[in-house]
Amino acid sequence: MRKLFTITLGLFCVVLFMGCSIKTNNADDKTTTVSQETKETGKSEETGEPAPITGGWAINENMDPANNKEAMEAFNKAIDCLDGYRYEVVAVLGSQVVAGMNYSYLCKGEMVIPDAKPDYNIVNVYEDLKGDAQITETVRLPEGKPDWEYNSKNTSLKENPDVDIIFNKALEEHVGVVYDPIAYIGKKNNTYAIIAKTTTVTVNPQTNISIVYITGTDSSARIDDIKEIDIALE
């Protein structure tokens, strides 16, 4: 799988976020994680359950925002000063213990204007030891590709049965990896983009967050591409 490279939100988001302490990546100024020392942990900070470590980040076992109280409190503090743009947390992807905490979220975002169309972003938040929180980085999905029709409704595959059928059909011939869908985020023609947790079926399993691109027809379905998302946004 190829690493997903960070892509900034458009200029309009930069203008909107000027009132907040937000750090984003661009070609000339790459933001580093707001941390002094990374401490690797073998358990999810939110669930207490064992979770894989990738660069010091723990991928959550339970990504439901309702079950990640501390992460959601940090997120709400970080977006408190946003004006003209709103985020809805779809999933709390993971966390990292630093001098404070880093959290990573899958979010649906949109401008606060009539008939606004949503897009999807990985949003990272840093909460310091005093409890102050700020957005540190954002990445638009899927990779800022043009002409995608983003899902404006429920992201669960259970609520999108046509996509669910194609997704499961496409996985029938894939062995060695378990795909746990997180959210259906959009489509282009008959190709669909689904955020999934992927875990290798090995003695030492590895878990990643990925965008899985599937194409479905009346008679078949296939995986076109899988792009790993580094939730550290490095």
C-alpha atoms as a PDB file:
ATOM      1  CA  MET A   1       0.000   0.000   0.000  1.00  0.00           C
ATOM      2  CA  ARG A   2       1.167   3.472  -0.747  1.00  0.00           C
ATOM      3  CA  LYS A   3       1.420   6.068   1.983  1.00  0.00           C
ATOM      4  CA  LEU A   4      -1.165   8.798   1.771  1.00  0.00           C
ATOM      5  CA  PHE A   5       0.571  12.142   1.507  1.00  0.00           C
ATOM      6  CA  THR A   6      -0.845  15.144   3.320  1.00  0.00           C
ATOM      7  CA  ILE A   7      -2.805  17.674   1.364  1.00  0.00           C
ATOM      8  CA  THR A   8      -3.983  20.935   2.852  1.00  0.00           C
ATOM      9  CA  LEU A   9      -7.484  22.250   2.840  1.00  0.00           C
ATOM     10  CA  GLY A  10      -8.115  25.025   0.336  1.00  0.00           C
ATOM     11  CA  LEU A  11      -7.307  28.665   0.923  1.00  0.00           C
ATOM     12  CA  PHE A  12     -10.838  29.341   2.075  1.00  0.00           C
ATOM     13  CA  CYS A  13     -10.320  27.201   5.191  1.00  0.00           C
ATOM     14  CA  VAL A  14      -7.089  29.029   6.006  1.00  0.00           C
ATOM     15  CA  VAL A  15      -8.969  32.329   5.933  1.00  0.00           C
ATOM     16  CA  LEU A  16     -11.744  30.932   8.088  1.00  0.00           C
ATOM     17  CA  PHE A  17      -9.361  29.552  10.677  1.00  0.00           C
ATOM     18  CA  MET A  18      -7.272  32.710  11.155  1.00  0.00           C
ATOM     19  CA  GLY A  19      -8.927  33.338  14.488  1.00  0.00           C
ATOM     20  CA  CYS A  20      -7.738  29.997  15.868  1.00  0.00           C
ATOM     21  CA  SER A  21      -4.296  28.603  16.607  1.00  0.00           C
ATOM     22  CA  ILE A  22      -4.289  26.196  13.636  1.00  0.00           C
ATOM     23  CA  LYS A  23      -1.232  24.734  11.979  1.00  0.00           C
ATOM     24  CA  THR A  24      -1.510  23.123   8.542  1.00  0.00           C
ATOM     25  CA  ASN A  25       0.911  21.593   6.092  1.00  0.00           C
ATOM     26  CA  ASN A  26       1.955  23.280   2.873  1.00  0.00           C
ATOM     27  CA  ALA A  27       4.825  22.972   0.446  1.00  0.00           C
ATOM     28  CA  ASP A  28       6.999  25.525   2.214  1.00  0.00           C
ATOM     29  CA  ASP A  29       6.017  25.179   5.853  1.00  0.00           C
ATOM     30  CA  LYS A  30       5.454  21.666   7.228  1.00  0.00           C
ATOM     31  CA  THR A  31       3.995  21.615  10.721  1.00  0.00           C
ATOM     32  CA  THR A  32       5.502  19.139  13.123  1.00  0.00           C
ATOM     33  CA  THR A  33       3.505  17.457  15.852  1.00  0.00           C
ATOM     34  CA  VAL A  34       3.174  19.660  18.931  1.00  0.00           C
ATOM     35  CA  SER A  35       5.100  17.435  21.303  1.00  0.00           C
ATOM     36  CA  GLN A  36       8.214  17.186  23.390  1.00  0.00           C
ATOM     37  CA  GLU A  37       8.491  13.471  23.883  1.00  0.00           C
ATOM     38  CA  THR A  38       6.582  10.566  22.328  1.00  0.00           C
ATOM     39  CA  LYS A  39       5.626   7.798  24.714  1.00  0.00           C
ATOM     40  CA  GLU A  40       4.580   4.543  23.070  1.00  0.00           C
ATOM     41  CA  THR A  41       1.694   2.734  24.692  1.00  0.00           C
ATOM     42  CA  GLY A  42       0.191  -0.665  24.141  1.00  0.00           C
ATOM     43  CA  LYS A  43      -3.389   0.362  24.940  1.00  0.00           C
ATOM     44  CA  SER A  44      -5.932   2.771  23.517  1.00  0.00           C
ATOM     45  CA  GLU A  45      -6.249   5.851  25.713  1.00  0.00           C
ATOM     46  CA  GLU A  46     -10.003   5.883  25.111  1.00  0.00           C
ATOM     47  CA  THR A  47     -10.957   2.228  25.493  1.00  0.00           C
ATOM     48  CA  GLY A  48      -8.151   0.728  27.590  1.00  0.00           C
ATOM     49  CA  GLU A  49      -7.966  -2.127  25.082  1.00  0.00           C
ATOM     50  CA  PRO A  50      -4.761  -3.255  23.368  1.00  0.00           C
ATOM     51  CA  ALA A  51      -4.117  -1.299  20.182  1.00  0.00           C
ATOM     52  CA  PRO A  52      -1.342  -1.382  17.570  1.00  0.00           C
ATOM     53  CA  ILE A  53       1.298   1.302  17.631  1.00  0.00           C
ATOM     54  CA  THR A  54       2.323   3.155  14.459  1.00  0.00           C
ATOM     55  CA  GLY A  55       4.906   5.851  15.066  1.00  0.00           C
ATOM     56  CA  GLY A  56       3.673   6.263  18.633  1.00  0.00           C
ATOM     57  CA  TRP A  57       0.011   6.492  17.599  1.00  0.00           C
ATOM     58  CA  ALA A  58      -2.530   4.007  18.964  1.00  0.00           C
ATOM     59  CA  ILE A  59      -5.384   3.157  16.611  1.00  0.00           C
ATOM     60  CA  ASN A  60      -8.656   2.962  18.522  1.00  0.00           C
ATOM     61  CA  GLU A  61     -10.536  -0.276  18.882  1.00  0.00           C
ATOM     62  CA  ASN A  62     -13.773   1.647  19.352  1.00  0.00           C
ATOM     63  CA  MET A  63     -13.998   4.707  17.094  1.00  0.00           C
ATOM     64  CA  ASP A  64     -17.515   5.807  17.980  1.00  0.00           C
ATOM     65  CA  PRO A  65     -17.374   9.468  19.096  1.00  0.00           C
ATOM     66  CA  ALA A  66     -19.882   8.677  21.845  1.00  0.00           C
ATOM     67  CA  ASN A  67     -17.379   6.255  23.382  1.00  0.00           C
ATOM     68  CA  ASN A  68     -14.419   8.644  23.233  1.00  0.00           C
ATOM     69  CA  LYS A  69     -15.412  11.299  25.753  1.00  0.00           C
ATOM     70  CA  GLU A  70     -11.979  12.844  26.399  1.00  0.00           C
ATOM     71  CA  ALA A  71     -11.140  13.020  22.693  1.00  0.00           C
ATOM     72  CA  MET A  72     -14.462  14.715  21.930  1.00  0.00           C
ATOM     73  CA  GLU A  73     -13.984  17.225  24.743  1.00  0.00           C
ATOM     74  CA  ALA A  74     -10.598  18.148  23.247  1.00  0.00           C
ATOM     75  CA  PHE A  75     -12.112  18.414  19.763  1.00  0.00           C
ATOM     76  CA  ASN A  76     -14.933  20.672  20.887  1.00  0.00           C
ATOM     77  CA  LYS A  77     -12.480  23.003  22.600  1.00  0.00           C
ATOM     78  CA  ALA A  78     -10.290  23.094  19.488  1.00  0.00           C
ATOM     79  CA  ILE A  79     -13.141  24.116  17.155  1.00  0.00           C
ATOM     80  CA  ASP A  80     -14.754  26.554  19.564  1.00  0.00           C
ATOM     81  CA  CYS A  81     -13.424  29.578  17.673  1.00  0.00           C
ATOM     82  CA  LEU A  82     -14.207  28.374  14.139  1.00  0.00           C
ATOM     83  CA  ASP A  83     -16.526  30.710  12.262  1.00  0.00           C
ATOM     84  CA  GLY A  84     -18.112  29.957   8.906  1.00  0.00           C
ATOM     85  CA  TYR A  85     -17.078  26.318   8.783  1.00  0.00           C
ATOM     86  CA  ARG A  86     -18.275  23.316  10.756  1.00  0.00           C
ATOM     87  CA  TYR A  87     -17.053  19.800  11.431  1.00  0.00           C
ATOM     88  CA  GLU A  88     -18.957  16.660  12.333  1.00  0.00           C
ATOM     89  CA  VAL A  89     -16.812  13.907  13.843  1.00  0.00           C
ATOM     90  CA  VAL A  90     -17.511  10.620  12.078  1.00  0.00           C
ATOM     91  CA  ALA A  91     -14.882   8.560  13.921  1.00  0.00           C
ATOM     92  CA  VAL A  92     -12.125   9.040  16.499  1.00  0.00           C
ATOM     93  CA  LEU A  93      -9.300   7.207  14.751  1.00  0.00           C
ATOM     94  CA  GLY A  94      -6.572   7.193  17.371  1.00  0.00           C
ATOM     95  CA  SER A  95      -4.420   9.001  19.877  1.00  0.00           C
ATOM     96  CA  GLN A  96      -0.809   9.655  20.836  1.00  0.00           C
ATOM     97  CA  VAL A  97       0.627  10.384  24.272  1.00  0.00           C
ATOM     98  CA  VAL A  98       2.983  13.386  24.164  1.00  0.00           C
ATOM     99  CA  ALA A  99       3.408  16.294  26.564  1.00  0.00           C
ATOM    100  CA  GLY A 100      -0.363  16.259  26.583  1.00  0.00           C
ATOM    101  CA  MET A 101      -2.358  14.313  23.970  1.00  0.00           C
ATOM    102  CA  ASN A 102      -2.705  14.205  20.204  1.00  0.00           C
ATOM    103  CA  TYR A 103      -5.984  12.950  18.749  1.00  0.00           C
ATOM    104  CA  SER A 104      -6.906  12.070  15.167  1.00  0.00           C
ATOM    105  CA  TYR A 105     -10.463  12.297  13.808  1.00  0.00           C
ATOM    106  CA  LEU A 106     -12.299  11.502  10.603  1.00  0.00           C
ATOM    107  CA  CYS A 107     -14.617  14.461  10.049  1.00  0.00           C
ATOM    108  CA  LYS A 108     -17.299  15.575   7.642  1.00  0.00           C
ATOM    109  CA  GLY A 109     -16.839  19.290   7.019  1.00  0.00           C
ATOM    110  CA  GLU A 110     -18.722  22.013   5.185  1.00  0.00           C
ATOM    111  CA  MET A 111     -18.988  25.751   4.797  1.00  0.00           C
ATOM    112  CA  VAL A 112     -21.799  27.395   6.753  1.00  0.00           C
ATOM    113  CA  ILE A 113     -23.611  28.664   3.663  1.00  0.00           C
ATOM    114  CA  PRO A 114     -26.842  27.650   1.919  1.00  0.00           C
ATOM    115  CA  ASP A 115     -26.616  24.439  -0.120  1.00  0.00           C
ATOM    116  CA  ALA A 116     -23.068  23.747   1.055  1.00  0.00           C
ATOM    117  CA  LYS A 117     -21.599  20.445  -0.090  1.00  0.00           C
ATOM    118  CA  PRO A 118     -19.591  18.397   2.405  1.00  0.00           C
ATOM    119  CA  ASP A 119     -16.134  16.983   2.122  1.00  0.00           C
ATOM    120  CA  TYR A 120     -14.156  14.694   4.406  1.00  0.00           C
ATOM    121  CA  ASN A 121     -10.997  15.403   6.346  1.00  0.00           C
ATOM    122  CA  ILE A 122      -8.546  13.877   8.759  1.00  0.00           C
ATOM    123  CA  VAL A 123      -8.298  16.443  11.544  1.00  0.00           C
ATOM    124  CA  ASN A 124      -5.636  16.251  14.252  1.00  0.00           C
ATOM    125  CA  VAL A 125      -5.950  18.056  17.568  1.00  0.00           C
ATOM    126  CA  TYR A 126      -3.364  18.666  20.263  1.00  0.00           C
ATOM    127  CA  GLU A 127      -4.458  19.112  23.894  1.00  0.00           C
ATOM    128  CA  ASP A 128      -1.779  20.398  26.244  1.00  0.00           C
ATOM    129  CA  LEU A 129      -1.319  19.543  29.895  1.00  0.00           C
ATOM    130  CA  LYS A 130      -3.428  22.547  30.919  1.00  0.00           C
ATOM    131  CA  GLY A 131      -6.378  21.287  28.884  1.00  0.00           C
ATOM    132  CA  ASP A 132      -6.088  23.858  26.081  1.00  0.00           C
ATOM    133  CA  ALA A 133      -6.661  22.363  22.613  1.00  0.00           C
ATOM    134  CA  GLN A 134      -6.005  23.412  19.045  1.00  0.00           C
ATOM    135  CA  ILE A 135      -6.215  21.932  15.545  1.00  0.00           C
ATOM    136  CA  THR A 136      -2.702  21.161  14.365  1.00  0.00           C
ATOM    137  CA  GLU A 137      -3.203  19.612  10.927  1.00  0.00           C
ATOM    138  CA  THR A 138      -5.892  18.726   8.409  1.00  0.00           C
ATOM    139  CA  VAL A 139      -5.999  16.599   5.252  1.00  0.00           C
ATOM    140  CA  ARG A 140      -8.832  16.517   2.741  1.00  0.00           C
ATOM    141  CA  LEU A 141      -9.976  13.116   1.483  1.00  0.00           C
ATOM    142  CA  PRO A 142      -9.816  11.361  -0.850  1.00  0.00           C
ATOM    143  CA  GLU A 143      -6.529  13.089  -1.677  1.00  0.00           C
ATOM    144  CA  GLY A 144      -8.290  16.187  -2.923  1.00  0.00           C
ATOM    145  CA  LYS A 145      -9.432  14.319  -6.043  1.00  0.00           C
ATOM    146  CA  PRO A 146     -11.712  16.378  -8.296  1.00  0.00           C
ATOM    147  CA  ASP A 147     -15.221  15.511  -9.441  1.00  0.00           C
ATOM    148  CA  TRP A 148     -16.056  13.294  -6.480  1.00  0.00           C
ATOM    149  CA  GLU A 149     -19.602  13.290  -5.172  1.00  0.00           C
ATOM    150  CA  TYR A 150     -19.186  13.296  -1.426  1.00  0.00           C
ATOM    151  CA  ASN A 151     -21.643  11.414   0.749  1.00  0.00           C
ATOM    152  CA  SER A 152     -23.860  13.990   2.451  1.00  0.00           C
ATOM    153  CA  LYS A 153     -25.926  11.443   4.374  1.00  0.00           C
ATOM    154  CA  ASN A 154     -25.192   8.691   6.888  1.00  0.00           C
ATOM    155  CA  THR A 155     -21.670   7.288   6.434  1.00  0.00           C
ATOM    156  CA  SER A 156     -22.393   3.806   7.828  1.00  0.00           C
ATOM    157  CA  LEU A 157     -22.348   1.016   5.261  1.00  0.00           C
ATOM    158  CA  LYS A 158     -25.400  -0.445   6.980  1.00  0.00           C
ATOM    159  CA  GLU A 159     -27.257   2.707   5.951  1.00  0.00           C
ATOM    160  CA  ASN A 160     -25.923   2.397   2.381  1.00  0.00           C
ATOM    161  CA  PRO A 161     -26.851  -1.187   1.446  1.00  0.00           C
ATOM    162  CA  ASP A 162     -25.915  -0.869  -2.234  1.00  0.00           C
ATOM    163  CA  VAL A 163     -22.385   0.183  -1.285  1.00  0.00           C
ATOM    164  CA  ASP A 164     -22.236  -2.486   1.421  1.00  0.00           C
ATOM    165  CA  ILE A 165     -23.056  -5.222  -1.105  1.00  0.00           C
ATOM    166  CA  ILE A 166     -20.372  -4.019  -3.521  1.00  0.00           C
ATOM    167  CA  PHE A 167     -17.821  -3.675  -0.716  1.00  0.00           C
ATOM    168  CA  ASN A 168     -18.364  -7.226   0.551  1.00  0.00           C
ATOM    169  CA  LYS A 169     -18.406  -8.661  -2.957  1.00  0.00           C
ATOM    170  CA  ALA A 170     -15.098  -6.960  -3.743  1.00  0.00           C
ATOM    171  CA  LEU A 171     -13.523  -8.549  -0.652  1.00  0.00           C
ATOM    172  CA  GLU A 172     -14.542 -12.119  -1.455  1.00  0.00           C
ATOM    173  CA  GLU A 173     -11.232 -12.996  -3.120  1.00  0.00           C
ATOM    174  CA  HIS A 174      -9.034 -11.057  -0.716  1.00  0.00           C
ATOM    175  CA  VAL A 175      -7.437 -13.111   2.032  1.00  0.00           C
ATOM    176  CA  GLY A 176      -4.856 -12.308   4.660  1.00  0.00           C
ATOM    177  CA  VAL A 177      -6.367  -8.928   5.588  1.00  0.00           C
ATOM    178  CA  VAL A 178      -9.481  -8.106   7.596  1.00  0.00           C
ATOM    179  CA  TYR A 179     -11.317  -5.001   6.381  1.00  0.00           C
ATOM    180  CA  ASP A 180     -13.481  -3.243   8.964  1.00  0.00           C
ATOM    181  CA  PRO A 181     -15.382  -0.400   7.244  1.00  0.00           C
ATOM    182  CA  ILE A 182     -15.505   2.898   9.114  1.00  0.00           C
ATOM    183  CA  ALA A 183     -17.271   5.239   6.709  1.00  0.00           C
ATOM    184  CA  TYR A 184     -18.467   5.522   3.121  1.00  0.00           C
ATOM    185  CA  ILE A 185     -17.314   8.990   2.099  1.00  0.00           C
ATOM    186  CA  GLY A 186     -18.014   9.399  -1.606  1.00  0.00           C
ATOM    187  CA  LYS A 187     -18.134   8.132  -5.157  1.00  0.00           C
ATOM    188  CA  LYS A 188     -17.164   8.957  -8.707  1.00  0.00           C
ATOM    189  CA  ASN A 189     -19.260   7.185 -11.335  1.00  0.00           C
ATOM    190  CA  ASN A 190     -19.384   3.584 -10.084  1.00  0.00           C
ATOM    191  CA  THR A 191     -16.225   3.813  -7.945  1.00  0.00           C
ATOM    192  CA  TYR A 192     -16.658   4.241  -4.189  1.00  0.00           C
ATOM    193  CA  ALA A 193     -14.274   5.462  -1.491  1.00  0.00           C
ATOM    194  CA  ILE A 194     -14.557   3.770   1.896  1.00  0.00           C
ATOM    195  CA  ILE A 195     -12.462   4.470   4.988  1.00  0.00           C
ATOM    196  CA  ALA A 196     -11.618   1.165   6.652  1.00  0.00           C
ATOM    197  CA  LYS A 197      -9.501  -0.280   9.422  1.00  0.00           C
ATOM    198  CA  THR A 198      -7.306  -2.969   7.853  1.00  0.00           C
ATOM    199  CA  THR A 199      -5.630  -5.672   9.920  1.00  0.00           C
ATOM    200  CA  THR A 200      -3.219  -8.266   8.581  1.00  0.00           C
ATOM    201  CA  VAL A 201      -3.943 -11.875   9.549  1.00  0.00           C
ATOM    202  CA  THR A 202      -0.480 -12.815  10.786  1.00  0.00           C
ATOM    203  CA  VAL A 203       1.275 -13.852  13.984  1.00  0.00           C
ATOM    204  CA  ASN A 204       2.068 -10.187  14.576  1.00  0.00           C
ATOM    205  CA  PRO A 205      -0.943  -8.405  13.046  1.00  0.00           C
ATOM    206  CA  GLN A 206      -0.600  -4.828  11.866  1.00  0.00           C
ATOM    207  CA  THR A 207      -3.525  -2.440  11.839  1.00  0.00           C
ATOM    208  CA  ASN A 208      -3.810   0.623   9.622  1.00  0.00           C
ATOM    209  CA  ILE A 209      -6.410   3.126   8.521  1.00  0.00           C
ATOM    210  CA  SER A 210      -6.869   3.086   4.741  1.00  0.00           C
ATOM    211  CA  ILE A 211      -8.986   4.423   1.913  1.00  0.00           C
ATOM    212  CA  VAL A 212     -10.321   1.459  -0.029  1.00  0.00           C
ATOM    213  CA  TYR A 213     -11.462   2.248  -3.568  1.00  0.00           C
ATOM    214  CA  ILE A 214     -13.918  -0.246  -5.006  1.00  0.00           C
ATOM    215  CA  THR A 215     -15.669  -0.392  -8.380  1.00  0.00           C
ATOM    216  CA  GLY A 216     -18.919  -2.245  -8.817  1.00  0.00           C
ATOM    217  CA  THR A 217     -20.895  -3.363 -11.855  1.00  0.00           C
ATOM    218  CA  ASP A 218     -24.077  -5.361 -12.232  1.00  0.00           C
ATOM    219  CA  SER A 219     -22.123  -8.617 -12.228  1.00  0.00           C
ATOM    220  CA  SER A 220     -18.892  -7.998 -10.335  1.00  0.00           C
ATOM    221  CA  ALA A 221     -16.963  -5.834  -7.903  1.00  0.00           C
ATOM    222  CA  ARG A 222     -13.268  -5.267  -7.391  1.00  0.00           C
ATOM    223  CA  ILE A 223     -10.829  -3.325  -5.255  1.00  0.00           C
ATOM    224  CA  ASP A 224      -9.096  -0.769  -7.469  1.00  0.00           C
ATOM    225  CA  ASP A 225      -6.703   0.688  -4.949  1.00  0.00           C
ATOM    226  CA  ILE A 226      -5.918   0.842  -1.240  1.00  0.00           C
ATOM    227  CA  LYS A 227      -4.137   3.864   0.189  1.00  0.00           C
ATOM    228  CA  GLU A 228      -2.883   3.818   3.749  1.00  0.00           C
ATOM    229  CA  ILE A 229      -3.578   6.898   5.848  1.00  0.00           C
ATOM    230  CA  ASP A 230      -0.838   7.856   8.266  1.00  0.00           C
ATOM    231  CA  ILE A 231      -2.931   9.406  11.028  1.00  0.00           C
ATOM    232  CA  ALA A 232       0.159  11.255  12.219  1.00  0.00           C
ATOM    233  CA  LEU A 233      -0.237  13.195   8.928  1.00  0.00           C
ATOM    234  CA  GLU A 234       3.491  13.032   8.274  1.00  0.00           C
END
